[in-house]
Structure formats: C-alpha cells, structure tokens
N, C-alpha and C. Protein backbone atom coordinates (compact mmCIF):
# COMPACT_ATOMS: atom_id res chain seq x y z
N MET A 1 -20.21 7.74 27.44
CA MET A 1 -19.36 8.78 26.06
C MET A 1 -18.00 8.67 26.05
N ARG A 2 -18.40 8.62 24.67
CA ARG A 2 -16.68 8.18 24.55
C ARG A 2 -15.83 9.54 24.72
N ALA A 3 -14.46 9.52 24.09
CA ALA A 3 -13.61 10.96 23.96
C ALA A 3 -13.54 11.22 22.51
N GLU A 4 -13.68 12.35 22.19
CA GLU A 4 -13.63 13.15 21.01
C GLU A 4 -12.91 14.15 20.80
N PHE A 5 -12.16 14.42 19.75
CA PHE A 5 -11.66 15.73 19.55
C PHE A 5 -12.18 16.47 19.63
N PRO A 6 -11.83 17.50 20.11
CA PRO A 6 -13.31 19.09 20.13
C PRO A 6 -13.77 19.57 18.59
N PRO A 7 -14.59 19.18 18.12
CA PRO A 7 -15.73 19.66 17.46
C PRO A 7 -15.12 20.99 16.41
N THR A 8 -14.15 21.52 16.95
CA THR A 8 -13.93 22.28 15.84
C THR A 8 -12.44 22.31 15.68
N SER A 9 -12.23 21.88 15.97
CA SER A 9 -10.33 21.11 15.34
C SER A 9 -10.87 20.66 14.02
N PRO A 10 -9.58 20.83 12.91
CA PRO A 10 -9.59 20.16 12.18
C PRO A 10 -9.48 18.53 11.98
N LEU A 11 -9.23 17.84 12.82
CA LEU A 11 -8.89 16.81 13.13
C LEU A 11 -10.41 16.21 13.70
N GLY A 12 -11.13 17.15 13.96
CA GLY A 12 -12.04 16.44 14.65
C GLY A 12 -13.59 16.30 13.17
N GLY A 13 -13.19 17.01 12.87
CA GLY A 13 -14.22 17.72 11.29
C GLY A 13 -13.67 16.65 10.54
N ALA A 14 -12.89 15.91 10.10
CA ALA A 14 -12.18 15.57 9.07
C ALA A 14 -12.29 13.98 9.50
N CYS A 15 -12.89 13.60 10.85
CA CYS A 15 -12.98 12.17 11.63
C CYS A 15 -14.88 12.43 11.27
N ARG A 16 -15.52 13.63 11.62
CA ARG A 16 -16.96 13.51 11.89
C ARG A 16 -17.38 12.64 10.16
N ARG A 17 -16.43 13.58 8.95
CA ARG A 17 -16.62 13.92 7.61
C ARG A 17 -16.46 11.94 6.90
N ILE A 18 -15.42 11.63 8.06
CA ILE A 18 -15.19 10.39 7.46
C ILE A 18 -16.38 9.47 7.81
N ARG A 19 -16.28 9.40 9.24
CA ARG A 19 -18.04 8.59 9.94
C ARG A 19 -19.10 8.80 8.68
N ARG A 20 -19.65 10.06 8.68
CA ARG A 20 -20.87 10.12 7.51
C ARG A 20 -20.04 9.23 6.95
N ALA A 21 -18.93 9.69 6.15
CA ALA A 21 -19.43 9.09 4.45
C ALA A 21 -19.38 7.26 4.53
N CYS A 22 -19.21 6.70 5.81
CA CYS A 22 -18.60 5.70 6.02
C CYS A 22 -20.31 5.04 6.05
N GLN A 23 -21.21 5.85 7.12
CA GLN A 23 -22.53 5.62 7.64
C GLN A 23 -23.37 5.95 6.10
N ARG A 24 -22.81 7.01 5.12
CA ARG A 24 -23.58 7.31 5.17
C ARG A 24 -23.84 6.23 3.20
N SER A 25 -22.44 6.69 2.78
CA SER A 25 -22.52 5.74 1.26
C SER A 25 -22.41 4.73 1.37
N SER A 26 -21.72 3.50 2.44
CA SER A 26 -21.72 2.08 2.01
C SER A 26 -23.78 2.05 2.02
N PRO A 27 -24.36 1.97 2.68
CA PRO A 27 -25.96 1.93 2.17
C PRO A 27 -26.68 1.99 0.83
N LYS A 28 -25.71 3.34 0.37
CA LYS A 28 -26.06 3.40 -1.06
C LYS A 28 -25.98 2.79 -1.75
N ARG A 29 -24.56 2.31 -1.95
CA ARG A 29 -23.49 0.83 -2.80
C ARG A 29 -24.06 0.20 -2.74
N GLY A 30 -24.95 -0.23 -1.48
CA GLY A 30 -25.27 -1.57 -1.08
C GLY A 30 -24.25 -2.43 -0.82
N LEU A 31 -23.21 -1.56 -0.10
CA LEU A 31 -21.85 -2.55 0.96
C LEU A 31 -22.45 -2.69 2.10
N THR A 32 -22.33 -3.67 2.98
CA THR A 32 -22.14 -3.83 4.53
C THR A 32 -21.14 -3.49 4.70
N GLN A 33 -20.92 -3.97 6.08
CA GLN A 33 -19.12 -3.18 7.12
C GLN A 33 -18.54 -4.11 6.70
N GLU A 34 -18.98 -5.76 6.14
CA GLU A 34 -17.48 -6.43 5.65
C GLU A 34 -17.72 -6.29 4.68
N ARG A 35 -18.73 -5.72 3.32
CA ARG A 35 -18.24 -5.74 2.62
C ARG A 35 -16.72 -4.65 2.12
N LEU A 36 -17.68 -3.50 3.25
CA LEU A 36 -16.74 -2.16 2.57
C LEU A 36 -15.21 -2.77 3.15
N GLY A 37 -14.96 -3.39 4.64
CA GLY A 37 -13.61 -3.61 4.86
C GLY A 37 -13.52 -4.12 3.86
N GLN A 38 -13.58 -5.35 3.31
CA GLN A 38 -12.87 -6.04 2.25
C GLN A 38 -12.55 -5.35 1.29
N LEU A 39 -13.51 -4.08 0.98
CA LEU A 39 -12.88 -3.34 -0.48
C LEU A 39 -12.09 -2.40 -0.12
N ALA A 40 -11.76 -2.03 1.25
CA ALA A 40 -11.00 -1.58 1.61
C ALA A 40 -9.67 -2.23 2.04
N GLY A 41 -9.75 -2.70 2.59
CA GLY A 41 -8.57 -4.02 2.65
C GLY A 41 -8.26 -3.92 4.47
N ILE A 42 -9.40 -3.39 5.24
CA ILE A 42 -9.14 -3.77 6.76
C ILE A 42 -10.90 -4.63 7.44
N SER A 43 -10.36 -4.39 8.61
CA SER A 43 -11.93 -5.37 9.39
C SER A 43 -12.49 -5.01 9.23
N ARG A 44 -13.94 -5.95 9.29
CA ARG A 44 -15.55 -5.86 9.69
C ARG A 44 -15.08 -4.30 11.10
N ASN A 45 -14.76 -4.52 11.44
CA ASN A 45 -14.47 -4.22 13.12
C ASN A 45 -13.87 -2.77 12.83
N GLN A 46 -12.76 -2.69 12.10
CA GLN A 46 -12.61 -1.61 11.94
C GLN A 46 -13.62 -0.66 11.66
N VAL A 47 -14.22 -0.84 10.12
CA VAL A 47 -14.76 0.30 9.34
C VAL A 47 -16.23 0.51 10.93
N GLN A 48 -16.67 -0.57 11.24
CA GLN A 48 -17.48 -0.31 12.70
C GLN A 48 -16.92 0.62 13.76
N ASN A 49 -15.74 0.77 14.42
CA ASN A 49 -15.14 1.46 14.39
C ASN A 49 -15.20 3.19 14.25
N ILE A 50 -14.73 3.17 13.35
CA ILE A 50 -15.05 4.06 12.17
C ILE A 50 -16.31 5.21 12.08
N GLU A 51 -17.32 4.17 11.89
CA GLU A 51 -18.77 4.44 12.18
C GLU A 51 -19.08 5.12 13.30
N HIS A 52 -18.13 4.32 14.31
CA HIS A 52 -18.83 5.44 15.61
C HIS A 52 -17.89 6.23 16.31
N SER A 53 -17.11 6.63 15.34
CA SER A 53 -15.92 7.56 15.93
C SER A 53 -14.90 6.86 17.28
N ARG A 54 -14.75 5.88 16.94
CA ARG A 54 -13.80 5.57 18.07
C ARG A 54 -12.75 4.84 17.85
N ASN A 55 -11.74 3.92 18.64
CA ASN A 55 -10.84 3.06 18.84
C ASN A 55 -10.88 2.39 19.11
N ASN A 56 -9.92 1.15 19.47
CA ASN A 56 -9.75 0.13 20.31
C ASN A 56 -9.32 0.67 21.68
N THR A 57 -8.82 1.38 22.01
CA THR A 57 -7.77 1.93 23.30
C THR A 57 -8.94 2.45 24.25
N LYS A 58 -8.53 2.47 25.61
CA LYS A 58 -9.43 2.72 25.80
C LYS A 58 -8.87 4.40 26.96
N ASP A 59 -9.47 5.54 27.47
CA ASP A 59 -8.87 6.30 28.53
C ASP A 59 -8.41 5.64 29.92
N LEU A 60 -8.26 6.88 30.59
CA LEU A 60 -8.19 6.61 31.96
C LEU A 60 -9.01 5.93 32.46
N ARG A 61 -10.75 6.58 32.26
CA ARG A 61 -12.29 5.85 32.40
C ARG A 61 -12.70 4.42 32.08
N GLY A 62 -11.88 3.96 30.70
CA GLY A 62 -12.39 2.83 30.31
C GLY A 62 -13.21 3.38 29.32
N ARG A 63 -13.26 4.39 28.76
CA ARG A 63 -13.98 4.96 27.68
C ARG A 63 -13.25 4.79 26.08
N PRO A 64 -14.06 4.18 24.94
CA PRO A 64 -13.30 4.13 24.13
C PRO A 64 -12.36 5.11 23.74
N GLY A 65 -11.69 4.95 22.88
CA GLY A 65 -10.42 6.56 22.42
C GLY A 65 -11.16 7.12 20.85
N ALA A 66 -10.92 8.08 21.00
CA ALA A 66 -11.26 8.88 20.26
C ALA A 66 -11.28 8.07 18.69
N GLY A 67 -11.98 8.08 18.00
CA GLY A 67 -11.58 7.28 15.92
C GLY A 67 -10.43 8.26 15.77
N ASN A 68 -9.51 8.13 14.90
CA ASN A 68 -8.00 8.33 14.32
C ASN A 68 -7.61 7.61 13.40
N PRO A 69 -8.46 7.34 12.26
CA PRO A 69 -7.99 6.44 11.27
C PRO A 69 -6.59 7.15 9.88
N THR A 70 -5.92 6.08 9.72
CA THR A 70 -4.70 6.20 9.67
C THR A 70 -4.95 6.78 8.15
N MET A 71 -4.05 7.85 7.45
CA MET A 71 -4.23 8.21 6.58
C MET A 71 -3.97 7.32 5.14
N ASP A 72 -3.33 5.92 5.07
CA ASP A 72 -3.55 4.78 4.65
C ASP A 72 -5.03 3.84 4.46
N THR A 73 -5.37 4.30 5.44
CA THR A 73 -7.04 4.04 6.14
C THR A 73 -8.18 4.67 5.25
N VAL A 74 -7.72 6.13 5.73
CA VAL A 74 -8.58 7.12 4.73
C VAL A 74 -8.57 7.08 3.09
N PHE A 75 -7.25 6.55 2.49
CA PHE A 75 -7.08 6.37 1.08
C PHE A 75 -8.10 4.97 0.77
N GLN A 76 -7.85 3.90 1.58
CA GLN A 76 -8.37 2.69 1.31
C GLN A 76 -10.08 2.55 1.16
N LEU A 77 -10.02 3.75 2.28
CA LEU A 77 -12.20 3.84 2.19
C LEU A 77 -12.36 4.73 1.34
N ALA A 78 -11.77 6.01 0.42
CA ALA A 78 -11.92 6.31 -0.45
C ALA A 78 -12.28 5.69 -1.45
N ASN A 79 -11.37 4.71 -1.86
CA ASN A 79 -11.45 4.12 -3.13
C ASN A 79 -11.75 2.72 -3.33
N ALA A 80 -12.53 2.53 -1.98
CA ALA A 80 -13.60 1.69 -1.85
C ALA A 80 -15.62 2.10 -1.95
N LEU A 81 -15.08 3.24 -1.43
CA LEU A 81 -16.40 4.31 -1.85
C LEU A 81 -16.88 5.28 -2.67
N GLN A 82 -15.85 5.12 -3.69
CA GLN A 82 -15.19 5.22 -4.93
C GLN A 82 -15.96 6.80 -4.80
N VAL A 83 -14.53 8.10 -3.75
CA VAL A 83 -15.01 9.15 -3.63
C VAL A 83 -13.70 9.99 -3.55
N ASP A 84 -13.14 10.78 -3.70
CA ASP A 84 -12.06 11.49 -4.10
C ASP A 84 -11.94 11.58 -2.32
N VAL A 85 -10.27 11.65 -1.95
CA VAL A 85 -9.68 11.33 -0.42
C VAL A 85 -10.05 12.77 0.06
N SER A 86 -10.18 13.76 -1.15
CA SER A 86 -10.24 14.62 -0.30
C SER A 86 -11.65 14.98 -0.37
N PHE A 87 -12.71 14.69 -0.91
CA PHE A 87 -14.24 14.74 -0.21
C PHE A 87 -14.31 14.18 2.20
N LEU A 88 -13.70 12.99 1.48
CA LEU A 88 -13.74 12.28 2.98
C LEU A 88 -12.92 13.33 3.54
N ILE A 89 -11.55 13.81 3.58
CA ILE A 89 -10.89 15.07 4.94
C ILE A 89 -11.70 16.11 4.89
N PHE A 90 -12.42 16.88 4.12
CA PHE A 90 -12.04 18.31 3.51
C PHE A 90 -13.61 18.32 3.12
N GLY A 91 -14.67 17.15 2.73
CA GLY A 91 -15.54 17.90 2.39
C GLY A 91 -16.03 18.65 0.98
N ASN A 92 -15.01 18.33 0.22
CA ASN A 92 -15.04 18.73 -0.93
C ASN A 92 -14.75 17.24 -1.99
N GLY A 93 -14.86 17.83 -3.05
CA GLY A 93 -14.18 17.28 -4.20
C GLY A 93 -15.16 15.77 -4.65
N ASN A 94 -15.16 14.66 -4.74
CA ASN A 94 -16.07 14.22 -5.80
C ASN A 94 -16.70 13.02 -4.77
N GLY A 95 -17.80 13.40 -4.11
CA GLY A 95 -18.96 12.82 -3.30
C GLY A 95 -20.18 12.91 -3.48
N ASP A 96 -21.20 12.41 -2.97
CA ASP A 96 -22.43 12.34 -2.62
C ASP A 96 -23.04 12.71 -1.78
N ILE A 97 -22.40 12.87 -0.53
CA ILE A 97 -23.07 12.46 0.38
C ILE A 97 -23.41 14.02 1.03
N ASP A 98 -24.32 14.11 2.03
CA ASP A 98 -24.03 16.08 2.99
C ASP A 98 -23.10 15.76 3.92
N GLU A 99 -22.61 17.27 4.20
CA GLU A 99 -21.46 17.42 4.62
C GLU A 99 -21.88 17.35 6.26
C-alpha cells in the first residue's frame, strides 16, 4: 500500500486528477509514457510515478511516498497533453477526460 494524501484534501484531489489525465489522455493521443515524458521534458520514470501517484521517496515502512508533482511539472504535462493546467488541477477548463 502506498502513502497518499487524504482523498478529501484539495492536494489529494489535484494529484488524482493529474494521475487520471496522464493515464487516460496519453493513449487517446497515441502517447507512450516515454513520449509523454519527452514532450513534457521529464523522464519516463517520472511519468510512471505520476500515473501511480507515488514518488521515489520511502516512508518509515518502506512504502513509496505520495505523488506530488511540482507546479513546473504540472504545467509541462498540461502543455504536452494539450489541456489547460486548470483542468489538471481543478478538473475544469479545456480537457477531454472524465473527472
């Protein structure tokens, strides 16, 4: 089990929307994790971590830390996925995936 932000927290909701956008929009646009990473200027590993809502840190039990991409990464992903950054964070704006 991985560590996560509380589901009701604004940060937890934003992280879930970012994760879903990567998981759902990439295949619709014919993007692999590798290609999305190239377009966003991040590594394939980082895309994978975002899609699984984790990071490379470990908690005291050895579980992956909760996913928490930087704002810079969020803007880069929005650009690569061709959606408004507000869609990734708040679930509104220009996007084509379900909340």
